Amino acid sequence: MTKKTTVANEVASALGAVAARVENLKPKRTTAKHTKAKSAAQPIAAQAVPAILDKEEVALEAYLYSEARGFRGGSQEEDWFRAEVEVRSRRG
């Protein structure tokens, strides 16, 4: 009878190992807390994030626009926005 008990124990052990492997293959359930954290992080990676502009580069470009028109007319804001567009276009 010892042999039957040993075989039964081996079968039970093997089935337990298979059940554990199957359990590991099942997708884990996520809570709403985890889902929100993932969804909050995903749009950043998915969206095209505008490149951070170097303020000194934009300021120099704006100054050059102002200088080109003889420091007359226009406005500093227009020069700045025009310079930002130019710097972004150069960076592609």
PDB file of N, CA and C in Angstrom:
ATOM      1  N   MET A   1       0.818  -1.190   0.000  1.00  0.00           N
ATOM      2  CA  MET A   1       0.000   0.000   0.000  1.00  0.00           C
ATOM      3  C   MET A   1       0.857   1.248   0.000  1.00  0.00           C
ATOM      4  N   THR A   2       2.048   1.108   0.399  1.00  0.00           N
ATOM      5  CA  THR A   2       2.935   2.250   0.410  1.00  0.00           C
ATOM      6  C   THR A   2       3.121   2.780  -1.001  1.00  0.00           C
ATOM      7  N   LYS A   3       3.161   1.867  -1.958  1.00  0.00           N
ATOM      8  CA  LYS A   3       3.367   2.275  -3.336  1.00  0.00           C
ATOM      9  C   LYS A   3       2.202   3.112  -3.843  1.00  0.00           C
ATOM     10  N   LYS A   4       0.959   2.747  -3.532  1.00  0.00           N
ATOM     11  CA  LYS A   4      -0.207   3.504  -3.973  1.00  0.00           C
ATOM     12  C   LYS A   4      -0.186   4.909  -3.379  1.00  0.00           C
ATOM     13  N   THR A   5       0.172   5.022  -2.147  1.00  0.00           N
ATOM     14  CA  THR A   5       0.227   6.320  -1.494  1.00  0.00           C
ATOM     15  C   THR A   5       1.289   7.194  -2.139  1.00  0.00           C
ATOM     16  N   THR A   6       2.418   6.607  -2.496  1.00  0.00           N
ATOM     17  CA  THR A   6       3.494   7.355  -3.124  1.00  0.00           C
ATOM     18  C   THR A   6       3.071   7.849  -4.504  1.00  0.00           C
ATOM     19  N   VAL A   7       2.432   7.015  -5.289  1.00  0.00           N
ATOM     20  CA  VAL A   7       1.972   7.406  -6.625  1.00  0.00           C
ATOM     21  C   VAL A   7       0.914   8.490  -6.501  1.00  0.00           C
ATOM     22  N   ALA A   8       0.006   8.325  -5.567  1.00  0.00           N
ATOM     23  CA  ALA A   8      -1.037   9.323  -5.360  1.00  0.00           C
ATOM     24  C   ALA A   8      -0.429  10.661  -4.943  1.00  0.00           C
ATOM     25  N   ASN A   9       0.577  10.597  -4.106  1.00  0.00           N
ATOM     26  CA  ASN A   9       1.256  11.833  -3.681  1.00  0.00           C
ATOM     27  C   ASN A   9       1.971  12.497  -4.853  1.00  0.00           C
ATOM     28  N   GLU A  10       2.602  11.706  -5.705  1.00  0.00           N
ATOM     29  CA  GLU A  10       3.300  12.254  -6.865  1.00  0.00           C
ATOM     30  C   GLU A  10       2.317  12.907  -7.837  1.00  0.00           C
ATOM     31  N   VAL A  11       1.185  12.234  -8.063  1.00  0.00           N
ATOM     32  CA  VAL A  11       0.160  12.783  -8.961  1.00  0.00           C
ATOM     33  C   VAL A  11      -0.399  14.077  -8.381  1.00  0.00           C
ATOM     34  N   ALA A  12      -0.691  14.069  -7.111  1.00  0.00           N
ATOM     35  CA  ALA A  12      -1.223  15.270  -6.474  1.00  0.00           C
ATOM     36  C   ALA A  12      -0.205  16.409  -6.530  1.00  0.00           C
ATOM     37  N   SER A  13       1.052  16.055  -6.323  1.00  0.00           N
ATOM     38  CA  SER A  13       2.105  17.063  -6.381  1.00  0.00           C
ATOM     39  C   SER A  13       2.227  17.641  -7.793  1.00  0.00           C
ATOM     40  N   ALA A  14       2.181  16.762  -8.798  1.00  0.00           N
ATOM     41  CA  ALA A  14       2.283  17.208 -10.188  1.00  0.00           C
ATOM     42  C   ALA A  14       1.092  18.092 -10.563  1.00  0.00           C
ATOM     43  N   LEU A  15      -0.095  17.694 -10.142  1.00  0.00           N
ATOM     44  CA  LEU A  15      -1.290  18.487 -10.427  1.00  0.00           C
ATOM     45  C   LEU A  15      -1.219  19.850  -9.735  1.00  0.00           C
ATOM     46  N   GLY A  16      -0.686  19.851  -8.527  1.00  0.00           N
ATOM     47  CA  GLY A  16      -0.519  21.119  -7.813  1.00  0.00           C
ATOM     48  C   GLY A  16       0.438  22.048  -8.538  1.00  0.00           C
ATOM     49  N   ALA A  17       1.515  21.486  -9.097  1.00  0.00           N
ATOM     50  CA  ALA A  17       2.484  22.291  -9.837  1.00  0.00           C
ATOM     51  C   ALA A  17       1.865  22.839 -11.118  1.00  0.00           C
ATOM     52  N   VAL A  18       1.079  22.003 -11.801  1.00  0.00           N
ATOM     53  CA  VAL A  18       0.409  22.452 -13.028  1.00  0.00           C
ATOM     54  C   VAL A  18      -0.591  23.552 -12.702  1.00  0.00           C
ATOM     55  N   ALA A  19      -1.344  23.365 -11.628  1.00  0.00           N
ATOM     56  CA  ALA A  19      -2.326  24.372 -11.235  1.00  0.00           C
ATOM     57  C   ALA A  19      -1.635  25.697 -10.904  1.00  0.00           C
ATOM     58  N   ALA A  20      -0.481  25.635 -10.268  1.00  0.00           N
ATOM     59  CA  ALA A  20       0.257  26.863  -9.940  1.00  0.00           C
ATOM     60  C   ALA A  20       0.738  27.567 -11.206  1.00  0.00           C
ATOM     61  N   ARG A  21       1.192  26.772 -12.186  1.00  0.00           N
ATOM     62  CA  ARG A  21       1.646  27.377 -13.453  1.00  0.00           C
ATOM     63  C   ARG A  21       0.488  28.040 -14.195  1.00  0.00           C
ATOM     64  N   VAL A  22      -0.648  27.357 -14.214  1.00  0.00           N
ATOM     65  CA  VAL A  22      -1.825  27.913 -14.877  1.00  0.00           C
ATOM     66  C   VAL A  22      -2.250  29.202 -14.184  1.00  0.00           C
ATOM     67  N   GLU A  23      -2.199  29.218 -12.880  1.00  0.00           N
ATOM     68  CA  GLU A  23      -2.570  30.417 -12.119  1.00  0.00           C
ATOM     69  C   GLU A  23      -1.653  31.586 -12.473  1.00  0.00           C
ATOM     70  N   ASN A  24      -0.383  31.299 -12.684  1.00  0.00           N
ATOM     71  CA  ASN A  24       0.566  32.359 -13.051  1.00  0.00           C
ATOM     72  C   ASN A  24       0.328  32.878 -14.462  1.00  0.00           C
ATOM     73  N   LEU A  25      -0.269  32.060 -15.320  1.00  0.00           N
ATOM     74  CA  LEU A  25      -0.531  32.481 -16.694  1.00  0.00           C
ATOM     75  C   LEU A  25      -1.758  33.366 -16.815  1.00  0.00           C
ATOM     76  N   LYS A  26      -2.641  33.310 -15.837  1.00  0.00           N
ATOM     77  CA  LYS A  26      -3.857  34.117 -15.892  1.00  0.00           C
ATOM     78  C   LYS A  26      -3.490  35.591 -15.781  1.00  0.00           C
ATOM     79  N   PRO A  27      -4.167  36.451 -16.541  1.00  0.00           N
ATOM     80  CA  PRO A  27      -3.884  37.888 -16.416  1.00  0.00           C
ATOM     81  C   PRO A  27      -4.287  38.385 -15.034  1.00  0.00           C
ATOM     82  N   LYS A  28      -3.471  39.223 -14.503  1.00  0.00           N
ATOM     83  CA  LYS A  28      -3.736  39.778 -13.178  1.00  0.00           C
ATOM     84  C   LYS A  28      -4.827  40.832 -13.288  1.00  0.00           C
ATOM     85  N   ARG A  29      -5.702  40.855 -12.333  1.00  0.00           N
ATOM     86  CA  ARG A  29      -6.752  41.868 -12.293  1.00  0.00           C
ATOM     87  C   ARG A  29      -6.154  43.134 -11.711  1.00  0.00           C
ATOM     88  N   THR A  30      -6.452  44.233 -12.339  1.00  0.00           N
ATOM     89  CA  THR A  30      -5.976  45.508 -11.816  1.00  0.00           C
ATOM     90  C   THR A  30      -7.131  46.245 -11.173  1.00  0.00           C
ATOM     91  N   THR A  31      -6.808  46.994 -10.192  1.00  0.00           N
ATOM     92  CA  THR A  31      -7.829  47.796  -9.541  1.00  0.00           C
ATOM     93  C   THR A  31      -7.964  49.107 -10.288  1.00  0.00           C
ATOM     94  N   ALA A  32      -8.989  49.846  -9.989  1.00  0.00           N
ATOM     95  CA  ALA A  32      -9.199  51.142 -10.628  1.00  0.00           C
ATOM     96  C   ALA A  32      -8.032  52.075 -10.330  1.00  0.00           C
ATOM     97  N   LYS A  33      -7.456  51.930  -9.166  1.00  0.00           N
ATOM     98  CA  LYS A  33      -6.322  52.770  -8.782  1.00  0.00           C
ATOM     99  C   LYS A  33      -5.163  52.575  -9.749  1.00  0.00           C
ATOM    100  N   HIS A  34      -4.858  51.295 -10.066  1.00  0.00           N
ATOM    101  CA  HIS A  34      -3.765  51.028 -10.987  1.00  0.00           C
ATOM    102  C   HIS A  34      -4.115  51.446 -12.415  1.00  0.00           C
ATOM    103  N   THR A  35      -5.340  51.237 -12.795  1.00  0.00           N
ATOM    104  CA  THR A  35      -5.759  51.608 -14.141  1.00  0.00           C
ATOM    105  C   THR A  35      -5.641  53.113 -14.348  1.00  0.00           C
ATOM    106  N   LYS A  36      -6.049  53.899 -13.360  1.00  0.00           N
ATOM    107  CA  LYS A  36      -5.954  55.345 -13.498  1.00  0.00           C
ATOM    108  C   LYS A  36      -4.510  55.790 -13.603  1.00  0.00           C
ATOM    109  N   ALA A  37      -3.639  55.170 -12.835  1.00  0.00           N
ATOM    110  CA  ALA A  37      -2.231  55.548 -12.870  1.00  0.00           C
ATOM    111  C   ALA A  37      -1.643  55.249 -14.238  1.00  0.00           C
ATOM    112  N   LYS A  38      -1.984  54.112 -14.817  1.00  0.00           N
ATOM    113  CA  LYS A  38      -1.462  53.772 -16.130  1.00  0.00           C
ATOM    114  C   LYS A  38      -2.036  54.691 -17.195  1.00  0.00           C
ATOM    115  N   SER A  39      -3.337  54.953 -17.138  1.00  0.00           N
ATOM    116  CA  SER A  39      -3.949  55.781 -18.166  1.00  0.00           C
ATOM    117  C   SER A  39      -3.437  57.213 -18.087  1.00  0.00           C
ATOM    118  N   ALA A  40      -3.083  57.656 -16.901  1.00  0.00           N
ATOM    119  CA  ALA A  40      -2.548  59.006 -16.766  1.00  0.00           C
ATOM    120  C   ALA A  40      -1.159  59.093 -17.384  1.00  0.00           C
ATOM    121  N   ALA A  41      -0.395  58.004 -17.321  1.00  0.00           N
ATOM    122  CA  ALA A  41       0.964  58.019 -17.856  1.00  0.00           C
ATOM    123  C   ALA A  41       0.982  57.794 -19.365  1.00  0.00           C
ATOM    124  N   GLN A  42       0.019  57.077 -19.900  1.00  0.00           N
ATOM    125  CA  GLN A  42       0.031  56.741 -21.304  1.00  0.00           C
ATOM    126  C   GLN A  42      -0.123  57.936 -22.237  1.00  0.00           C
ATOM    127  N   PRO A  43      -1.020  58.880 -21.970  1.00  0.00           N
ATOM    128  CA  PRO A  43      -1.152  59.973 -22.927  1.00  0.00           C
ATOM    129  C   PRO A  43       0.130  60.771 -23.115  1.00  0.00           C
ATOM    130  N   ILE A  44       0.947  60.870 -22.091  1.00  0.00           N
ATOM    131  CA  ILE A  44       2.195  61.622 -22.219  1.00  0.00           C
ATOM    132  C   ILE A  44       3.089  60.962 -23.258  1.00  0.00           C
ATOM    133  N   ALA A  45       3.193  59.650 -23.194  1.00  0.00           N
ATOM    134  CA  ALA A  45       4.032  58.946 -24.144  1.00  0.00           C
ATOM    135  C   ALA A  45       3.411  58.952 -25.535  1.00  0.00           C
ATOM    136  N   ALA A  46       2.086  58.906 -25.605  1.00  0.00           N
ATOM    137  CA  ALA A  46       1.403  58.836 -26.887  1.00  0.00           C
ATOM    138  C   ALA A  46       1.349  60.184 -27.594  1.00  0.00           C
ATOM    139  N   GLN A  47       1.292  61.258 -26.826  1.00  0.00           N
ATOM    140  CA  GLN A  47       1.175  62.572 -27.435  1.00  0.00           C
ATOM    141  C   GLN A  47       2.536  63.064 -27.908  1.00  0.00           C
ATOM    142  N   ALA A  48       2.507  63.887 -28.913  1.00  0.00           N
ATOM    143  CA  ALA A  48       3.734  64.530 -29.355  1.00  0.00           C
ATOM    144  C   ALA A  48       4.004  65.690 -28.403  1.00  0.00           C
ATOM    145  N   VAL A  49       5.030  65.555 -27.613  1.00  0.00           N
ATOM    146  CA  VAL A  49       5.370  66.590 -26.645  1.00  0.00           C
ATOM    147  C   VAL A  49       6.235  67.622 -27.356  1.00  0.00           C
ATOM    148  N   PRO A  50       5.841  68.884 -27.322  1.00  0.00           N
ATOM    149  CA  PRO A  50       6.652  69.893 -27.999  1.00  0.00           C
ATOM    150  C   PRO A  50       8.022  69.999 -27.357  1.00  0.00           C
ATOM    151  N   ALA A  51       9.008  70.215 -28.188  1.00  0.00           N
ATOM    152  CA  ALA A  51      10.374  70.328 -27.687  1.00  0.00           C
ATOM    153  C   ALA A  51      10.497  71.571 -26.813  1.00  0.00           C
ATOM    154  N   ILE A  52      11.279  71.449 -25.782  1.00  0.00           N
ATOM    155  CA  ILE A  52      11.513  72.581 -24.889  1.00  0.00           C
ATOM    156  C   ILE A  52      12.454  73.539 -25.601  1.00  0.00           C
ATOM    157  N   LEU A  53      12.019  74.770 -25.703  1.00  0.00           N
ATOM    158  CA  LEU A  53      12.823  75.757 -26.412  1.00  0.00           C
ATOM    159  C   LEU A  53      13.833  76.393 -25.473  1.00  0.00           C
ATOM    160  N   ASP A  54      14.985  76.672 -26.027  1.00  0.00           N
ATOM    161  CA  ASP A  54      16.018  77.380 -25.289  1.00  0.00           C
ATOM    162  C   ASP A  54      15.665  78.861 -25.313  1.00  0.00           C
ATOM    163  N   LYS A  55      15.404  79.425 -24.127  1.00  0.00           N
ATOM    164  CA  LYS A  55      14.958  80.823 -24.050  1.00  0.00           C
ATOM    165  C   LYS A  55      16.007  81.785 -24.589  1.00  0.00           C
ATOM    166  N   GLU A  56      17.267  81.460 -24.379  1.00  0.00           N
ATOM    167  CA  GLU A  56      18.326  82.347 -24.885  1.00  0.00           C
ATOM    168  C   GLU A  56      18.330  82.365 -26.406  1.00  0.00           C
ATOM    169  N   GLU A  57      18.094  81.208 -27.016  1.00  0.00           N
ATOM    170  CA  GLU A  57      18.056  81.134 -28.472  1.00  0.00           C
ATOM    171  C   GLU A  57      16.869  81.925 -29.019  1.00  0.00           C
ATOM    172  N   VAL A  58      15.716  81.785 -28.367  1.00  0.00           N
ATOM    173  CA  VAL A  58      14.524  82.523 -28.792  1.00  0.00           C
ATOM    174  C   VAL A  58      14.742  84.020 -28.583  1.00  0.00           C
ATOM    175  N   ALA A  59      15.332  84.399 -27.456  1.00  0.00           N
ATOM    176  CA  ALA A  59      15.569  85.817 -27.164  1.00  0.00           C
ATOM    177  C   ALA A  59      16.505  86.430 -28.197  1.00  0.00           C
ATOM    178  N   LEU A  60      17.556  85.716 -28.574  1.00  0.00           N
ATOM    179  CA  LEU A  60      18.480  86.231 -29.583  1.00  0.00           C
ATOM    180  C   LEU A  60      17.777  86.405 -30.924  1.00  0.00           C
ATOM    181  N   GLU A  61      16.988  85.412 -31.287  1.00  0.00           N
ATOM    182  CA  GLU A  61      16.252  85.497 -32.554  1.00  0.00           C
ATOM    183  C   GLU A  61      15.278  86.676 -32.535  1.00  0.00           C
ATOM    184  N   ALA A  62      14.576  86.882 -31.424  1.00  0.00           N
ATOM    185  CA  ALA A  62      13.645  88.008 -31.298  1.00  0.00           C
ATOM    186  C   ALA A  62      14.394  89.337 -31.388  1.00  0.00           C
ATOM    187  N   TYR A  63      15.552  89.402 -30.767  1.00  0.00           N
ATOM    188  CA  TYR A  63      16.362  90.623 -30.837  1.00  0.00           C
ATOM    189  C   TYR A  63      16.782  90.906 -32.275  1.00  0.00           C
ATOM    190  N   LEU A  64      17.162  89.866 -32.994  1.00  0.00           N
ATOM    191  CA  LEU A  64      17.580  90.051 -34.382  1.00  0.00           C
ATOM    192  C   LEU A  64      16.430  90.551 -35.257  1.00  0.00           C
ATOM    193  N   TYR A  65      15.210  90.066 -34.979  1.00  0.00           N
ATOM    194  CA  TYR A  65      14.046  90.575 -35.718  1.00  0.00           C
ATOM    195  C   TYR A  65      13.842  92.059 -35.421  1.00  0.00           C
ATOM    196  N   SER A  66      13.949  92.409 -34.163  1.00  0.00           N
ATOM    197  CA  SER A  66      13.777  93.808 -33.761  1.00  0.00           C
ATOM    198  C   SER A  66      14.868  94.677 -34.378  1.00  0.00           C
ATOM    199  N   GLU A  67      16.075  94.188 -34.362  1.00  0.00           N
ATOM    200  CA  GLU A  67      17.207  94.924 -34.936  1.00  0.00           C
ATOM    201  C   GLU A  67      17.030  95.103 -36.441  1.00  0.00           C
ATOM    202  N   ALA A  68      16.519  94.075 -37.120  1.00  0.00           N
ATOM    203  CA  ALA A  68      16.340  94.129 -38.574  1.00  0.00           C
ATOM    204  C   ALA A  68      15.351  95.216 -38.978  1.00  0.00           C
ATOM    205  N   ARG A  69      14.380  95.527 -38.149  1.00  0.00           N
ATOM    206  CA  ARG A  69      13.428  96.582 -38.490  1.00  0.00           C
ATOM    207  C   ARG A  69      13.837  97.912 -37.880  1.00  0.00           C
ATOM    208  N   GLY A  70      15.049  97.983 -37.355  1.00  0.00           N
ATOM    209  CA  GLY A  70      15.566  99.245 -36.829  1.00  0.00           C
ATOM    210  C   GLY A  70      14.999  99.616 -35.473  1.00  0.00           C
ATOM    211  N   PHE A  71      14.549  98.653 -34.710  1.00  0.00           N
ATOM    212  CA  PHE A  71      13.957  98.867 -33.386  1.00  0.00           C
ATOM    213  C   PHE A  71      12.757  99.805 -33.433  1.00  0.00           C
ATOM    214  N   ARG A  72      12.084  99.873 -34.580  1.00  0.00           N
ATOM    215  CA  ARG A  72      10.917 100.748 -34.723  1.00  0.00           C
ATOM    216  C   ARG A  72       9.718  99.924 -35.158  1.00  0.00           C
ATOM    217  N   GLY A  73       8.566 100.297 -34.646  1.00  0.00           N
ATOM    218  CA  GLY A  73       7.339  99.578 -35.017  1.00  0.00           C
ATOM    219  C   GLY A  73       7.340  98.175 -34.434  1.00  0.00           C
ATOM    220  N   GLY A  74       6.278  97.449 -34.687  1.00  0.00           N
ATOM    221  CA  GLY A  74       6.174  96.083 -34.178  1.00  0.00           C
ATOM    222  C   GLY A  74       6.098  96.060 -32.662  1.00  0.00           C
ATOM    223  N   SER A  75       6.247  94.899 -32.098  1.00  0.00           N
ATOM    224  CA  SER A  75       6.232  94.778 -30.641  1.00  0.00           C
ATOM    225  C   SER A  75       7.144  93.639 -30.222  1.00  0.00           C
ATOM    226  N   GLN A  76       7.530  93.701 -28.983  1.00  0.00           N
ATOM    227  CA  GLN A  76       8.403  92.654 -28.448  1.00  0.00           C
ATOM    228  C   GLN A  76       7.711  91.291 -28.474  1.00  0.00           C
ATOM    229  N   GLU A  77       6.413  91.282 -28.184  1.00  0.00           N
ATOM    230  CA  GLU A  77       5.669  90.028 -28.163  1.00  0.00           C
ATOM    231  C   GLU A  77       5.618  89.385 -29.552  1.00  0.00           C
ATOM    232  N   GLU A  78       5.365  90.218 -30.576  1.00  0.00           N
ATOM    233  CA  GLU A  78       5.338  89.693 -31.943  1.00  0.00           C
ATOM    234  C   GLU A  78       6.689  89.128 -32.326  1.00  0.00           C
ATOM    235  N   ASP A  79       7.752  89.838 -31.948  1.00  0.00           N
ATOM    236  CA  ASP A  79       9.098  89.348 -32.236  1.00  0.00           C
ATOM    237  C   ASP A  79       9.358  88.022 -31.526  1.00  0.00           C
ATOM    238  N   TRP A  80       8.914  87.930 -30.273  1.00  0.00           N
ATOM    239  CA  TRP A  80       9.135  86.711 -29.492  1.00  0.00           C
ATOM    240  C   TRP A  80       8.390  85.523 -30.112  1.00  0.00           C
ATOM    241  N   PHE A  81       7.115  85.717 -30.454  1.00  0.00           N
ATOM    242  CA  PHE A  81       6.341  84.617 -31.039  1.00  0.00           C
ATOM    243  C   PHE A  81       6.914  84.204 -32.387  1.00  0.00           C
ATOM    244  N   ARG A  82       7.320  85.165 -33.171  1.00  0.00           N
ATOM    245  CA  ARG A  82       7.928  84.868 -34.471  1.00  0.00           C
ATOM    246  C   ARG A  82       9.234  84.095 -34.273  1.00  0.00           C
ATOM    247  N   ALA A  83       9.997  84.477 -33.261  1.00  0.00           N
ATOM    248  CA  ALA A  83      11.257  83.787 -32.968  1.00  0.00           C
ATOM    249  C   ALA A  83      10.997  82.348 -32.506  1.00  0.00           C
ATOM    250  N   GLU A  84       9.963  82.148 -31.678  1.00  0.00           N
ATOM    251  CA  GLU A  84       9.632  80.787 -31.243  1.00  0.00           C
ATOM    252  C   GLU A  84       9.292  79.901 -32.430  1.00  0.00           C
ATOM    253  N   VAL A  85       8.499  80.434 -33.363  1.00  0.00           N
ATOM    254  CA  VAL A  85       8.129  79.668 -34.554  1.00  0.00           C
ATOM    255  C   VAL A  85       9.374  79.315 -35.361  1.00  0.00           C
ATOM    256  N   GLU A  86      10.265  80.264 -35.503  1.00  0.00           N
ATOM    257  CA  GLU A  86      11.487  80.043 -36.278  1.00  0.00           C
ATOM    258  C   GLU A  86      12.372  78.978 -35.630  1.00  0.00           C
ATOM    259  N   VAL A  87      12.546  79.063 -34.321  1.00  0.00           N
ATOM    260  CA  VAL A  87      13.390  78.102 -33.613  1.00  0.00           C
ATOM    261  C   VAL A  87      12.790  76.710 -33.699  1.00  0.00           C
ATOM    262  N   ARG A  88      11.466  76.593 -33.544  1.00  0.00           N
ATOM    263  CA  ARG A  88      10.806  75.286 -33.652  1.00  0.00           C
ATOM    264  C   ARG A  88      10.967  74.711 -35.060  1.00  0.00           C
ATOM    265  N   SER A  89      10.830  75.556 -36.075  1.00  0.00           N
ATOM    266  CA  SER A  89      10.944  75.059 -37.447  1.00  0.00           C
ATOM    267  C   SER A  89      12.351  74.572 -37.752  1.00  0.00           C
ATOM    268  N   ARG A  90      13.351  75.213 -37.168  1.00  0.00           N
ATOM    269  CA  ARG A  90      14.728  74.768 -37.379  1.00  0.00           C
ATOM    270  C   ARG A  90      14.982  73.414 -36.724  1.00  0.00           C
ATOM    271  N   ARG A  91      14.327  73.173 -35.612  1.00  0.00           N
ATOM    272  CA  ARG A  91      14.526  71.900 -34.896  1.00  0.00           C
ATOM    273  C   ARG A  91      13.756  70.765 -35.539  1.00  0.00           C
ATOM    274  N   GLY A  92      12.784  71.109 -36.355  1.00  0.00           N
ATOM    275  CA  GLY A  92      12.014  70.097 -37.088  1.00  0.00           C
ATOM    276  C   GLY A  92      11.113  69.372 -36.220  1.00  0.00           C
TER     277      GLY A  92
END
